[in-house]
């Protein structure tokens, strides 16, 4: 129903941003970059290159880059305040302000479209 799927970690529920968001961006950008023989290892540079070469839409690329930076910021912020290192990668979206929650949903929707694009463009011959 448009809600977030949360994982339980101790007494905390949230999205594991490293496993559920960042890993998908990294792997999808890697696959698409390899398809087009771009051997850069930095995810942001891969995304920028994919946009500049026209392999992904500029709007999609901008959302993915912003999502990447935001989730890394969440992890850095959590590492400054969390005493339990296992929670550094978690974000409870229901604790976000309404505007940020809506933006997160939008960007996760864009991420899903990116994953679908990569899946269809790299699964030929399988």
PDB file of N, CA and C in Angstrom:
ATOM      1  N   UNK A   1       0.821  -1.195   0.000  1.00  0.00           N
ATOM      2  CA  UNK A   1       0.000   0.000   0.000  1.00  0.00           C
ATOM      3  C   UNK A   1       0.868   1.264   0.000  1.00  0.00           C
ATOM      4  N   UNK A   2       2.048   1.182  -0.544  1.00  0.00           N
ATOM      5  CA  UNK A   2       2.907   2.348  -0.615  1.00  0.00           C
ATOM      6  C   UNK A   2       3.731   2.571   0.624  1.00  0.00           C
ATOM      7  N   UNK A   3       3.702   1.600   1.553  1.00  0.00           N
ATOM      8  CA  UNK A   3       4.489   1.730   2.778  1.00  0.00           C
ATOM      9  C   UNK A   3       5.904   1.225   2.572  1.00  0.00           C
ATOM     10  N   UNK A   4       6.734   1.471   3.554  1.00  0.00           N
ATOM     11  CA  UNK A   4       8.110   1.014   3.499  1.00  0.00           C
ATOM     12  C   UNK A   4       8.211  -0.377   4.101  1.00  0.00           C
ATOM     13  N   UNK A   5       9.109  -1.196   3.580  1.00  0.00           N
ATOM     14  CA  UNK A   5       9.385  -2.503   4.161  1.00  0.00           C
ATOM     15  C   UNK A   5      10.568  -2.321   5.102  1.00  0.00           C
ATOM     16  N   UNK A   6      10.320  -2.548   6.387  1.00  0.00           N
ATOM     17  CA  UNK A   6      11.340  -2.313   7.401  1.00  0.00           C
ATOM     18  C   UNK A   6      11.922  -3.626   7.911  1.00  0.00           C
ATOM     19  N   UNK A   7      13.183  -3.586   8.284  1.00  0.00           N
ATOM     20  CA  UNK A   7      13.842  -4.726   8.906  1.00  0.00           C
ATOM     21  C   UNK A   7      13.937  -4.470  10.398  1.00  0.00           C
ATOM     22  N   UNK A   8      13.924  -5.543  11.172  1.00  0.00           N
ATOM     23  CA  UNK A   8      14.090  -5.426  12.621  1.00  0.00           C
ATOM     24  C   UNK A   8      15.560  -5.621  12.957  1.00  0.00           C
ATOM     25  N   UNK A   9      16.085  -4.759  13.806  1.00  0.00           N
ATOM     26  CA  UNK A   9      17.455  -4.870  14.313  1.00  0.00           C
ATOM     27  C   UNK A   9      17.380  -4.507  15.790  1.00  0.00           C
ATOM     28  N   UNK A  10      17.544  -5.473  16.641  1.00  0.00           N
ATOM     29  CA  UNK A  10      17.384  -5.283  18.084  1.00  0.00           C
ATOM     30  C   UNK A  10      15.980  -4.739  18.346  1.00  0.00           C
ATOM     31  N   UNK A  11      15.882  -3.590  18.972  1.00  0.00           N
ATOM     32  CA  UNK A  11      14.587  -2.958  19.255  1.00  0.00           C
ATOM     33  C   UNK A  11      14.271  -1.869  18.242  1.00  0.00           C
ATOM     34  N   UNK A  12      14.953  -1.880  17.103  1.00  0.00           N
ATOM     35  CA  UNK A  12      14.834  -0.815  16.120  1.00  0.00           C
ATOM     36  C   UNK A  12      14.318  -1.386  14.810  1.00  0.00           C
ATOM     37  N   UNK A  13      13.435  -0.675  14.159  1.00  0.00           N
ATOM     38  CA  UNK A  13      12.958  -1.049  12.823  1.00  0.00           C
ATOM     39  C   UNK A  13      13.375   0.035  11.846  1.00  0.00           C
ATOM     40  N   UNK A  14      13.819  -0.368  10.687  1.00  0.00           N
ATOM     41  CA  UNK A  14      14.196   0.618   9.682  1.00  0.00           C
ATOM     42  C   UNK A  14      14.631  -0.040   8.394  1.00  0.00           C
ATOM     43  N   UNK A  15      15.014   0.791   7.455  1.00  0.00           N
ATOM     44  CA  UNK A  15      15.540   0.340   6.174  1.00  0.00           C
ATOM     45  C   UNK A  15      17.055   0.244   6.321  1.00  0.00           C
ATOM     46  N   UNK A  16      17.627  -0.870   5.932  1.00  0.00           N
ATOM     47  CA  UNK A  16      19.074  -1.007   5.908  1.00  0.00           C
ATOM     48  C   UNK A  16      19.543  -0.338   4.622  1.00  0.00           C
ATOM     49  N   UNK A  17      20.003   0.902   4.745  1.00  0.00           N
ATOM     50  CA  UNK A  17      20.322   1.695   3.552  1.00  0.00           C
ATOM     51  C   UNK A  17      21.509   1.132   2.785  1.00  0.00           C
ATOM     52  N   UNK A  18      22.426   0.475   3.480  1.00  0.00           N
ATOM     53  CA  UNK A  18      23.584  -0.086   2.799  1.00  0.00           C
ATOM     54  C   UNK A  18      23.181  -1.287   1.946  1.00  0.00           C
ATOM     55  N   UNK A  19      22.403  -2.172   2.523  1.00  0.00           N
ATOM     56  CA  UNK A  19      22.021  -3.409   1.837  1.00  0.00           C
ATOM     57  C   UNK A  19      20.836  -3.220   0.890  1.00  0.00           C
ATOM     58  N   UNK A  20      19.884  -2.388   1.275  1.00  0.00           N
ATOM     59  CA  UNK A  20      18.647  -2.278   0.511  1.00  0.00           C
ATOM     60  C   UNK A  20      18.630  -1.145  -0.504  1.00  0.00           C
ATOM     61  N   UNK A  21      19.541  -0.197  -0.383  1.00  0.00           N
ATOM     62  CA  UNK A  21      19.541   0.933  -1.321  1.00  0.00           C
ATOM     63  C   UNK A  21      20.904   1.076  -1.992  1.00  0.00           C
ATOM     64  N   UNK A  22      21.934   1.322  -1.208  1.00  0.00           N
ATOM     65  CA  UNK A  22      23.253   1.605  -1.774  1.00  0.00           C
ATOM     66  C   UNK A  22      23.801   0.437  -2.594  1.00  0.00           C
ATOM     67  N   UNK A  23      23.641  -0.785  -2.103  1.00  0.00           N
ATOM     68  CA  UNK A  23      24.159  -1.943  -2.837  1.00  0.00           C
ATOM     69  C   UNK A  23      23.494  -2.066  -4.204  1.00  0.00           C
ATOM     70  N   UNK A  24      22.210  -1.750  -4.282  1.00  0.00           N
ATOM     71  CA  UNK A  24      21.508  -1.826  -5.571  1.00  0.00           C
ATOM     72  C   UNK A  24      22.013  -0.757  -6.538  1.00  0.00           C
ATOM     73  N   UNK A  25      22.253   0.437  -6.022  1.00  0.00           N
ATOM     74  CA  UNK A  25      22.783   1.504  -6.887  1.00  0.00           C
ATOM     75  C   UNK A  25      24.167   1.114  -7.397  1.00  0.00           C
ATOM     76  N   UNK A  26      25.030   0.650  -6.501  1.00  0.00           N
ATOM     77  CA  UNK A  26      26.401   0.267  -6.869  1.00  0.00           C
ATOM     78  C   UNK A  26      26.386  -0.832  -7.923  1.00  0.00           C
ATOM     79  N   UNK A  27      25.645  -1.893  -7.652  1.00  0.00           N
ATOM     80  CA  UNK A  27      25.652  -3.044  -8.566  1.00  0.00           C
ATOM     81  C   UNK A  27      25.026  -2.719  -9.915  1.00  0.00           C
ATOM     82  N   UNK A  28      23.938  -1.974  -9.919  1.00  0.00           N
ATOM     83  CA  UNK A  28      23.295  -1.626 -11.185  1.00  0.00           C
ATOM     84  C   UNK A  28      24.183  -0.693 -12.009  1.00  0.00           C
ATOM     85  N   UNK A  29      24.788   0.293 -11.356  1.00  0.00           N
ATOM     86  CA  UNK A  29      25.691   1.204 -12.074  1.00  0.00           C
ATOM     87  C   UNK A  29      26.906   0.439 -12.605  1.00  0.00           C
ATOM     88  N   UNK A  30      27.387  -0.513 -11.834  1.00  0.00           N
ATOM     89  CA  UNK A  30      28.530  -1.332 -12.262  1.00  0.00           C
ATOM     90  C   UNK A  30      28.156  -2.152 -13.509  1.00  0.00           C
ATOM     91  N   UNK A  31      27.015  -2.817 -13.461  1.00  0.00           N
ATOM     92  CA  UNK A  31      26.597  -3.641 -14.605  1.00  0.00           C
ATOM     93  C   UNK A  31      26.425  -2.817 -15.876  1.00  0.00           C
ATOM     94  N   UNK A  32      25.755  -1.698 -15.756  1.00  0.00           N
ATOM     95  CA  UNK A  32      25.521  -0.863 -16.928  1.00  0.00           C
ATOM     96  C   UNK A  32      26.823  -0.265 -17.457  1.00  0.00           C
ATOM     97  N   UNK A  33      27.705   0.123 -16.552  1.00  0.00           N
ATOM     98  CA  UNK A  33      29.007   0.660 -16.974  1.00  0.00           C
ATOM     99  C   UNK A  33      29.834  -0.393 -17.694  1.00  0.00           C
ATOM    100  N   UNK A  34      29.828  -1.611 -17.177  1.00  0.00           N
ATOM    101  CA  UNK A  34      30.576  -2.687 -17.839  1.00  0.00           C
ATOM    102  C   UNK A  34      29.989  -3.003 -19.212  1.00  0.00           C
ATOM    103  N   UNK A  35      28.678  -2.931 -19.312  1.00  0.00           N
ATOM    104  CA  UNK A  35      28.036  -3.177 -20.600  1.00  0.00           C
ATOM    105  C   UNK A  35      28.567  -2.215 -21.656  1.00  0.00           C
ATOM    106  N   UNK A  36      28.807  -0.970 -21.258  1.00  0.00           N
ATOM    107  CA  UNK A  36      29.278   0.044 -22.195  1.00  0.00           C
ATOM    108  C   UNK A  36      30.786   0.268 -22.098  1.00  0.00           C
ATOM    109  N   UNK A  37      31.492  -0.671 -21.468  1.00  0.00           N
ATOM    110  CA  UNK A  37      32.965  -0.674 -21.376  1.00  0.00           C
ATOM    111  C   UNK A  37      33.538   0.540 -20.668  1.00  0.00           C
ATOM    112  N   UNK A  38      32.819   1.064 -19.701  1.00  0.00           N
ATOM    113  CA  UNK A  38      33.327   2.167 -18.888  1.00  0.00           C
ATOM    114  C   UNK A  38      33.860   1.546 -17.600  1.00  0.00           C
ATOM    115  N   UNK A  39      35.158   1.640 -17.379  1.00  0.00           N
ATOM    116  CA  UNK A  39      35.804   0.888 -16.314  1.00  0.00           C
ATOM    117  C   UNK A  39      36.071   1.680 -15.035  1.00  0.00           C
ATOM    118  N   UNK A  40      35.480   2.837 -14.897  1.00  0.00           N
ATOM    119  CA  UNK A  40      35.606   3.636 -13.674  1.00  0.00           C
ATOM    120  C   UNK A  40      35.051   2.829 -12.495  1.00  0.00           C
ATOM    121  N   UNK A  41      35.666   2.978 -11.320  1.00  0.00           N
ATOM    122  CA  UNK A  41      35.210   2.223 -10.148  1.00  0.00           C
ATOM    123  C   UNK A  41      34.388   3.053  -9.174  1.00  0.00           C
ATOM    124  N   UNK A  42      34.336   4.357  -9.351  1.00  0.00           N
ATOM    125  CA  UNK A  42      33.574   5.220  -8.457  1.00  0.00           C
ATOM    126  C   UNK A  42      32.119   5.268  -8.916  1.00  0.00           C
ATOM    127  N   UNK A  43      31.206   4.946  -8.022  1.00  0.00           N
ATOM    128  CA  UNK A  43      29.789   4.868  -8.373  1.00  0.00           C
ATOM    129  C   UNK A  43      29.237   6.191  -8.880  1.00  0.00           C
ATOM    130  N   UNK A  44      29.573   7.288  -8.220  1.00  0.00           N
ATOM    131  CA  UNK A  44      29.063   8.586  -8.673  1.00  0.00           C
ATOM    132  C   UNK A  44      29.586   8.937 -10.062  1.00  0.00           C
ATOM    133  N   UNK A  45      30.851   8.640 -10.314  1.00  0.00           N
ATOM    134  CA  UNK A  45      31.403   8.901 -11.649  1.00  0.00           C
ATOM    135  C   UNK A  45      30.748   8.013 -12.692  1.00  0.00           C
ATOM    136  N   UNK A  46      30.440   6.778 -12.305  1.00  0.00           N
ATOM    137  CA  UNK A  46      29.729   5.883 -13.231  1.00  0.00           C
ATOM    138  C   UNK A  46      28.362   6.458 -13.576  1.00  0.00           C
ATOM    139  N   UNK A  47      27.625   6.884 -12.562  1.00  0.00           N
ATOM    140  CA  UNK A  47      26.290   7.443 -12.801  1.00  0.00           C
ATOM    141  C   UNK A  47      26.363   8.695 -13.666  1.00  0.00           C
ATOM    142  N   UNK A  48      27.298   9.580 -13.373  1.00  0.00           N
ATOM    143  CA  UNK A  48      27.460  10.801 -14.171  1.00  0.00           C
ATOM    144  C   UNK A  48      27.791  10.461 -15.619  1.00  0.00           C
ATOM    145  N   UNK A  49      28.679   9.486 -15.821  1.00  0.00           N
ATOM    146  CA  UNK A  49      29.055   9.088 -17.172  1.00  0.00           C
ATOM    147  C   UNK A  49      27.860   8.508 -17.909  1.00  0.00           C
ATOM    148  N   UNK A  50      27.093   7.648 -17.228  1.00  0.00           N
ATOM    149  CA  UNK A  50      25.915   7.041 -17.856  1.00  0.00           C
ATOM    150  C   UNK A  50      24.916   8.108 -18.293  1.00  0.00           C
ATOM    151  N   UNK A  51      24.762   9.153 -17.485  1.00  0.00           N
ATOM    152  CA  UNK A  51      23.875  10.261 -17.848  1.00  0.00           C
ATOM    153  C   UNK A  51      24.454  11.023 -19.033  1.00  0.00           C
ATOM    154  N   UNK A  52      25.731  11.383 -18.946  1.00  0.00           N
ATOM    155  CA  UNK A  52      26.370  12.172 -20.011  1.00  0.00           C
ATOM    156  C   UNK A  52      26.381  11.448 -21.357  1.00  0.00           C
ATOM    157  N   UNK A  53      26.451  10.126 -21.317  1.00  0.00           N
ATOM    158  CA  UNK A  53      26.461   9.336 -22.554  1.00  0.00           C
ATOM    159  C   UNK A  53      25.060   9.030 -23.057  1.00  0.00           C
ATOM    160  N   UNK A  54      24.047   9.403 -22.272  1.00  0.00           N
ATOM    161  CA  UNK A  54      22.668   9.184 -22.688  1.00  0.00           C
ATOM    162  C   UNK A  54      22.140   7.783 -22.430  1.00  0.00           C
ATOM    163  N   UNK A  55      22.851   6.998 -21.623  1.00  0.00           N
ATOM    164  CA  UNK A  55      22.408   5.637 -21.327  1.00  0.00           C
ATOM    165  C   UNK A  55      21.298   5.614 -20.272  1.00  0.00           C
ATOM    166  N   UNK A  56      21.247   6.653 -19.438  1.00  0.00           N
ATOM    167  CA  UNK A  56      20.118   6.812 -18.527  1.00  0.00           C
ATOM    168  C   UNK A  56      19.654   8.268 -18.599  1.00  0.00           C
ATOM    169  N   UNK A  57      18.390   8.441 -18.361  1.00  0.00           N
ATOM    170  CA  UNK A  57      17.765   9.758 -18.401  1.00  0.00           C
ATOM    171  C   UNK A  57      18.402  10.686 -17.359  1.00  0.00           C
ATOM    172  N   UNK A  58      18.551  11.964 -17.702  1.00  0.00           N
ATOM    173  CA  UNK A  58      19.176  12.927 -16.803  1.00  0.00           C
ATOM    174  C   UNK A  58      18.418  13.054 -15.476  1.00  0.00           C
ATOM    175  N   UNK A  59      17.093  13.076 -15.543  1.00  0.00           N
ATOM    176  CA  UNK A  59      16.287  13.175 -14.326  1.00  0.00           C
ATOM    177  C   UNK A  59      16.515  11.959 -13.434  1.00  0.00           C
ATOM    178  N   UNK A  60      16.534  10.774 -14.037  1.00  0.00           N
ATOM    179  CA  UNK A  60      16.788   9.549 -13.282  1.00  0.00           C
ATOM    180  C   UNK A  60      18.175   9.604 -12.648  1.00  0.00           C
ATOM    181  N   UNK A  61      19.160   9.994 -13.422  1.00  0.00           N
ATOM    182  CA  UNK A  61      20.525  10.086 -12.915  1.00  0.00           C
ATOM    183  C   UNK A  61      20.645  11.057 -11.759  1.00  0.00           C
ATOM    184  N   UNK A  62      19.989  12.207 -11.881  1.00  0.00           N
ATOM    185  CA  UNK A  62      20.041  13.200 -10.799  1.00  0.00           C
ATOM    186  C   UNK A  62      19.408  12.659  -9.519  1.00  0.00           C
ATOM    187  N   UNK A  63      18.291  11.944  -9.655  1.00  0.00           N
ATOM    188  CA  UNK A  63      17.655  11.346  -8.479  1.00  0.00           C
ATOM    189  C   UNK A  63      18.550  10.273  -7.855  1.00  0.00           C
ATOM    190  N   UNK A  64      19.179   9.457  -8.686  1.00  0.00           N
ATOM    191  CA  UNK A  64      20.044   8.395  -8.162  1.00  0.00           C
ATOM    192  C   UNK A  64      21.267   8.970  -7.447  1.00  0.00           C
ATOM    193  N   UNK A  65      21.851   9.998  -8.033  1.00  0.00           N
ATOM    194  CA  UNK A  65      23.016  10.638  -7.411  1.00  0.00           C
ATOM    195  C   UNK A  65      22.613  11.278  -6.083  1.00  0.00           C
ATOM    196  N   UNK A  66      21.484  11.959  -6.078  1.00  0.00           N
ATOM    197  CA  UNK A  66      21.006  12.583  -4.840  1.00  0.00           C
ATOM    198  C   UNK A  66      20.681  11.527  -3.782  1.00  0.00           C
ATOM    199  N   UNK A  67      20.080  10.415  -4.191  1.00  0.00           N
ATOM    200  CA  UNK A  67      19.766   9.337  -3.257  1.00  0.00           C
ATOM    201  C   UNK A  67      21.037   8.742  -2.683  1.00  0.00           C
ATOM    202  N   UNK A  68      22.029   8.521  -3.538  1.00  0.00           N
ATOM    203  CA  UNK A  68      23.324   7.992  -3.098  1.00  0.00           C
ATOM    204  C   UNK A  68      23.947   8.905  -2.031  1.00  0.00           C
ATOM    205  N   UNK A  69      24.009  10.191  -2.335  1.00  0.00           N
ATOM    206  CA  UNK A  69      24.620  11.144  -1.407  1.00  0.00           C
ATOM    207  C   UNK A  69      23.831  11.226  -0.099  1.00  0.00           C
ATOM    208  N   UNK A  70      22.516  11.222  -0.198  1.00  0.00           N
ATOM    209  CA  UNK A  70      21.668  11.323   0.990  1.00  0.00           C
ATOM    210  C   UNK A  70      21.846  10.108   1.897  1.00  0.00           C
ATOM    211  N   UNK A  71      21.874   8.910   1.302  1.00  0.00           N
ATOM    212  CA  UNK A  71      22.016   7.697   2.105  1.00  0.00           C
ATOM    213  C   UNK A  71      23.405   7.608   2.736  1.00  0.00           C
ATOM    214  N   UNK A  72      24.412   8.090   2.038  1.00  0.00           N
ATOM    215  CA  UNK A  72      25.759   8.124   2.642  1.00  0.00           C
ATOM    216  C   UNK A  72      25.789   9.118   3.801  1.00  0.00           C
ATOM    217  N   UNK A  73      25.091  10.223   3.634  1.00  0.00           N
ATOM    218  CA  UNK A  73      24.997  11.212   4.714  1.00  0.00           C
ATOM    219  C   UNK A  73      24.284  10.629   5.931  1.00  0.00           C
ATOM    220  N   UNK A  74      23.232   9.852   5.688  1.00  0.00           N
ATOM    221  CA  UNK A  74      22.517   9.178   6.785  1.00  0.00           C
ATOM    222  C   UNK A  74      23.481   8.277   7.552  1.00  0.00           C
ATOM    223  N   UNK A  75      24.283   7.516   6.828  1.00  0.00           N
ATOM    224  CA  UNK A  75      25.232   6.607   7.476  1.00  0.00           C
ATOM    225  C   UNK A  75      26.279   7.377   8.279  1.00  0.00           C
ATOM    226  N   UNK A  76      26.771   8.480   7.726  1.00  0.00           N
ATOM    227  CA  UNK A  76      27.766   9.290   8.447  1.00  0.00           C
ATOM    228  C   UNK A  76      27.145   9.901   9.692  1.00  0.00           C
ATOM    229  N   UNK A  77      25.944  10.461   9.539  1.00  0.00           N
ATOM    230  CA  UNK A  77      25.251  11.054  10.685  1.00  0.00           C
ATOM    231  C   UNK A  77      24.990  10.011  11.766  1.00  0.00           C
ATOM    232  N   UNK A  78      24.550   8.828  11.361  1.00  0.00           N
ATOM    233  CA  UNK A  78      24.304   7.763  12.326  1.00  0.00           C
ATOM    234  C   UNK A  78      25.572   7.335  13.043  1.00  0.00           C
ATOM    235  N   UNK A  79      26.684   7.306  12.325  1.00  0.00           N
ATOM    236  CA  UNK A  79      27.935   6.873  12.956  1.00  0.00           C
ATOM    237  C   UNK A  79      28.407   7.868  14.008  1.00  0.00           C
ATOM    238  N   UNK A  80      27.981   9.117  13.881  1.00  0.00           N
ATOM    239  CA  UNK A  80      28.345  10.128  14.882  1.00  0.00           C
ATOM    240  C   UNK A  80      27.512  10.007  16.149  1.00  0.00           C
ATOM    241  N   UNK A  81      26.278   9.507  16.026  1.00  0.00           N
ATOM    242  CA  UNK A  81      25.359   9.519  17.162  1.00  0.00           C
ATOM    243  C   UNK A  81      25.004   8.145  17.704  1.00  0.00           C
ATOM    244  N   UNK A  82      25.186   7.104  16.923  1.00  0.00           N
ATOM    245  CA  UNK A  82      24.802   5.769  17.368  1.00  0.00           C
ATOM    246  C   UNK A  82      25.947   5.110  18.132  1.00  0.00           C
ATOM    247  N   UNK A  83      25.629   4.535  19.283  1.00  0.00           N
ATOM    248  CA  UNK A  83      26.633   3.784  20.030  1.00  0.00           C
ATOM    249  C   UNK A  83      26.644   2.335  19.569  1.00  0.00           C
ATOM    250  N   UNK A  84      25.531   1.845  19.036  1.00  0.00           N
ATOM    251  CA  UNK A  84      25.445   0.495  18.501  1.00  0.00           C
ATOM    252  C   UNK A  84      25.813   0.553  17.019  1.00  0.00           C
ATOM    253  N   UNK A  85      27.019   0.102  16.678  1.00  0.00           N
ATOM    254  CA  UNK A  85      27.503   0.202  15.301  1.00  0.00           C
ATOM    255  C   UNK A  85      26.621  -0.535  14.297  1.00  0.00           C
ATOM    256  N   UNK A  86      25.847  -1.506  14.768  1.00  0.00           N
ATOM    257  CA  UNK A  86      24.967  -2.229  13.875  1.00  0.00           C
ATOM    258  C   UNK A  86      23.837  -1.384  13.335  1.00  0.00           C
ATOM    259  N   UNK A  87      23.545  -0.257  13.987  1.00  0.00           N
ATOM    260  CA  UNK A  87      22.446   0.599  13.548  1.00  0.00           C
ATOM    261  C   UNK A  87      22.887   1.726  12.625  1.00  0.00           C
ATOM    262  N   UNK A  88      24.171   1.813  12.349  1.00  0.00           N
ATOM    263  CA  UNK A  88      24.697   2.886  11.503  1.00  0.00           C
ATOM    264  C   UNK A  88      24.035   2.875  10.127  1.00  0.00           C
ATOM    265  N   UNK A  89      23.717   1.703   9.619  1.00  0.00           N
ATOM    266  CA  UNK A  89      23.171   1.571   8.272  1.00  0.00           C
ATOM    267  C   UNK A  89      21.659   1.644   8.212  1.00  0.00           C
ATOM    268  N   UNK A  90      21.009   1.930   9.321  1.00  0.00           N
ATOM    269  CA  UNK A  90      19.547   1.898   9.349  1.00  0.00           C
ATOM    270  C   UNK A  90      18.932   3.293   9.379  1.00  0.00           C
ATOM    271  N   UNK A  91      17.783   3.392   8.712  1.00  0.00           N
ATOM    272  CA  UNK A  91      17.006   4.624   8.685  1.00  0.00           C
ATOM    273  C   UNK A  91      15.544   4.240   8.864  1.00  0.00           C
ATOM    274  N   UNK A  92      14.887   4.848   9.829  1.00  0.00           N
ATOM    275  CA  UNK A  92      13.451   4.643   9.986  1.00  0.00           C
ATOM    276  C   UNK A  92      12.753   5.770   9.235  1.00  0.00           C
ATOM    277  N   UNK A  93      12.172   5.467   8.076  1.00  0.00           N
ATOM    278  CA  UNK A  93      11.569   6.517   7.257  1.00  0.00           C
ATOM    279  C   UNK A  93      10.361   7.176   7.916  1.00  0.00           C
ATOM    280  N   UNK A  94       9.732   6.477   8.853  1.00  0.00           N
ATOM    281  CA  UNK A  94       8.556   7.046   9.512  1.00  0.00           C
ATOM    282  C   UNK A  94       8.934   8.141  10.505  1.00  0.00           C
ATOM    283  N   UNK A  95      10.224   8.258  10.806  1.00  0.00           N
ATOM    284  CA  UNK A  95      10.688   9.334  11.682  1.00  0.00           C
ATOM    285  C   UNK A  95      11.109  10.572  10.894  1.00  0.00           C
ATOM    286  N   UNK A  96      11.098  10.468   9.570  1.00  0.00           N
ATOM    287  CA  UNK A  96      11.463  11.602   8.714  1.00  0.00           C
ATOM    288  C   UNK A  96      10.315  12.602   8.655  1.00  0.00           C
ATOM    289  N   UNK A  97      10.642  13.878   8.434  1.00  0.00           N
ATOM    290  CA  UNK A  97       9.581  14.856   8.159  1.00  0.00           C
ATOM    291  C   UNK A  97       8.807  14.426   6.910  1.00  0.00           C
ATOM    292  N   UNK A  98       7.564  14.827   6.819  1.00  0.00           N
ATOM    293  CA  UNK A  98       6.672  14.415   5.732  1.00  0.00           C
ATOM    294  C   UNK A  98       7.283  14.669   4.352  1.00  0.00           C
ATOM    295  N   UNK A  99       7.899  15.828   4.182  1.00  0.00           N
ATOM    296  CA  UNK A  99       8.493  16.188   2.895  1.00  0.00           C
ATOM    297  C   UNK A  99       9.638  15.236   2.524  1.00  0.00           C
ATOM    298  N   UNK A 100      10.495  14.905   3.500  1.00  0.00           N
ATOM    299  CA  UNK A 100      11.607  13.988   3.236  1.00  0.00           C
ATOM    300  C   UNK A 100      11.112  12.572   2.972  1.00  0.00           C
ATOM    301  N   UNK A 101      10.070  12.156   3.676  1.00  0.00           N
ATOM    302  CA  UNK A 101       9.497  10.828   3.471  1.00  0.00           C
ATOM    303  C   UNK A 101       8.961  10.708   2.039  1.00  0.00           C
ATOM    304  N   UNK A 102       8.287  11.761   1.579  1.00  0.00           N
ATOM    305  CA  UNK A 102       7.749  11.773   0.219  1.00  0.00           C
ATOM    306  C   UNK A 102       8.886  11.735  -0.809  1.00  0.00           C
ATOM    307  N   UNK A 103       9.949  12.489  -0.559  1.00  0.00           N
ATOM    308  CA  UNK A 103      11.100  12.506  -1.453  1.00  0.00           C
ATOM    309  C   UNK A 103      11.784  11.141  -1.484  1.00  0.00           C
ATOM    310  N   UNK A 104      11.894  10.501  -0.331  1.00  0.00           N
ATOM    311  CA  UNK A 104      12.493   9.167  -0.277  1.00  0.00           C
ATOM    312  C   UNK A 104      11.671   8.184  -1.107  1.00  0.00           C
ATOM    313  N   UNK A 105      10.357   8.228  -0.980  1.00  0.00           N
ATOM    314  CA  UNK A 105       9.494   7.351  -1.782  1.00  0.00           C
ATOM    315  C   UNK A 105       9.709   7.592  -3.276  1.00  0.00           C
ATOM    316  N   UNK A 106       9.792   8.857  -3.662  1.00  0.00           N
ATOM    317  CA  UNK A 106      10.006   9.210  -5.069  1.00  0.00           C
ATOM    318  C   UNK A 106      11.333   8.637  -5.569  1.00  0.00           C
ATOM    319  N   UNK A 107      12.375   8.826  -4.764  1.00  0.00           N
ATOM    320  CA  UNK A 107      13.702   8.372  -5.188  1.00  0.00           C
ATOM    321  C   UNK A 107      13.807   6.854  -5.189  1.00  0.00           C
ATOM    322  N   UNK A 108      13.112   6.198  -4.281  1.00  0.00           N
ATOM    323  CA  UNK A 108      13.109   4.736  -4.305  1.00  0.00           C
ATOM    324  C   UNK A 108      12.349   4.223  -5.520  1.00  0.00           C
ATOM    325  N   UNK A 109      11.334   4.952  -5.939  1.00  0.00           N
ATOM    326  CA  UNK A 109      10.604   4.604  -7.156  1.00  0.00           C
ATOM    327  C   UNK A 109      11.517   4.740  -8.376  1.00  0.00           C
ATOM    328  N   UNK A 110      12.307   5.802  -8.406  1.00  0.00           N
ATOM    329  CA  UNK A 110      13.268   6.001  -9.499  1.00  0.00           C
ATOM    330  C   UNK A 110      14.316   4.891  -9.471  1.00  0.00           C
ATOM    331  N   UNK A 111      14.770   4.518  -8.279  1.00  0.00           N
ATOM    332  CA  UNK A 111      15.742   3.428  -8.158  1.00  0.00           C
ATOM    333  C   UNK A 111      15.162   2.138  -8.728  1.00  0.00           C
ATOM    334  N   UNK A 112      13.909   1.848  -8.440  1.00  0.00           N
ATOM    335  CA  UNK A 112      13.281   0.642  -8.972  1.00  0.00           C
ATOM    336  C   UNK A 112      13.229   0.681 -10.495  1.00  0.00           C
ATOM    337  N   UNK A 113      12.936   1.836 -11.064  1.00  0.00           N
ATOM    338  CA  UNK A 113      12.916   1.973 -12.530  1.00  0.00           C
ATOM    339  C   UNK A 113      14.315   1.765 -13.106  1.00  0.00           C
ATOM    340  N   UNK A 114      15.333   2.262 -12.403  1.00  0.00           N
ATOM    341  CA  UNK A 114      16.723   2.080 -12.831  1.00  0.00           C
ATOM    342  C   UNK A 114      17.087   0.599 -12.797  1.00  0.00           C
ATOM    343  N   UNK A 115      16.703  -0.081 -11.727  1.00  0.00           N
ATOM    344  CA  UNK A 115      16.988  -1.512 -11.619  1.00  0.00           C
ATOM    345  C   UNK A 115      16.300  -2.296 -12.734  1.00  0.00           C
ATOM    346  N   UNK A 116      15.071  -1.925 -13.042  1.00  0.00           N
ATOM    347  CA  UNK A 116      14.340  -2.577 -14.131  1.00  0.00           C
ATOM    348  C   UNK A 116      15.039  -2.337 -15.472  1.00  0.00           C
ATOM    349  N   UNK A 117      15.490  -1.107 -15.689  1.00  0.00           N
ATOM    350  CA  UNK A 117      16.215  -0.762 -16.915  1.00  0.00           C
ATOM    351  C   UNK A 117      17.478  -1.597 -17.050  1.00  0.00           C
ATOM    352  N   UNK A 118      18.243  -1.675 -15.965  1.00  0.00           N
ATOM    353  CA  UNK A 118      19.499  -2.447 -16.010  1.00  0.00           C
ATOM    354  C   UNK A 118      19.222  -3.926 -16.229  1.00  0.00           C
ATOM    355  N   UNK A 119      18.204  -4.434 -15.561  1.00  0.00           N
ATOM    356  CA  UNK A 119      17.856  -5.850 -15.710  1.00  0.00           C
ATOM    357  C   UNK A 119      17.503  -6.181 -17.153  1.00  0.00           C
ATOM    358  N   UNK A 120      16.679  -5.345 -17.761  1.00  0.00           N
ATOM    359  CA  UNK A 120      16.266  -5.639 -19.139  1.00  0.00           C
ATOM    360  C   UNK A 120      17.398  -5.404 -20.141  1.00  0.00           C
ATOM    361  N   UNK A 121      18.276  -4.456 -19.858  1.00  0.00           N
ATOM    362  CA  UNK A 121      19.333  -4.153 -20.837  1.00  0.00           C
ATOM    363  C   UNK A 121      20.564  -5.036 -20.678  1.00  0.00           C
ATOM    364  N   UNK A 122      20.670  -5.777 -19.581  1.00  0.00           N
ATOM    365  CA  UNK A 122      21.846  -6.618 -19.398  1.00  0.00           C
ATOM    366  C   UNK A 122      21.516  -8.105 -19.363  1.00  0.00           C
ATOM    367  N   UNK A 123      20.239  -8.453 -19.512  1.00  0.00           N
ATOM    368  CA  UNK A 123      19.860  -9.858 -19.387  1.00  0.00           C
ATOM    369  C   UNK A 123      19.714 -10.561 -20.735  1.00  0.00           C
ATOM    370  N   UNK A 124      20.136  -9.921 -21.796  1.00  0.00           N
ATOM    371  CA  UNK A 124      20.037 -10.551 -23.105  1.00  0.00           C
ATOM    372  C   UNK A 124      20.922 -11.791 -23.155  1.00  0.00           C
ATOM    373  N   UNK A 125      20.442 -12.793 -23.855  1.00  0.00           N
ATOM    374  CA  UNK A 125      21.226 -14.015 -24.027  1.00  0.00           C
ATOM    375  C   UNK A 125      21.170 -14.957 -22.834  1.00  0.00           C
ATOM    376  N   UNK A 126      20.364 -14.637 -21.833  1.00  0.00           N
ATOM    377  CA  UNK A 126      20.287 -15.516 -20.656  1.00  0.00           C
ATOM    378  C   UNK A 126      19.058 -16.378 -20.715  1.00  0.00           C
TER     379      UNK A 126
END
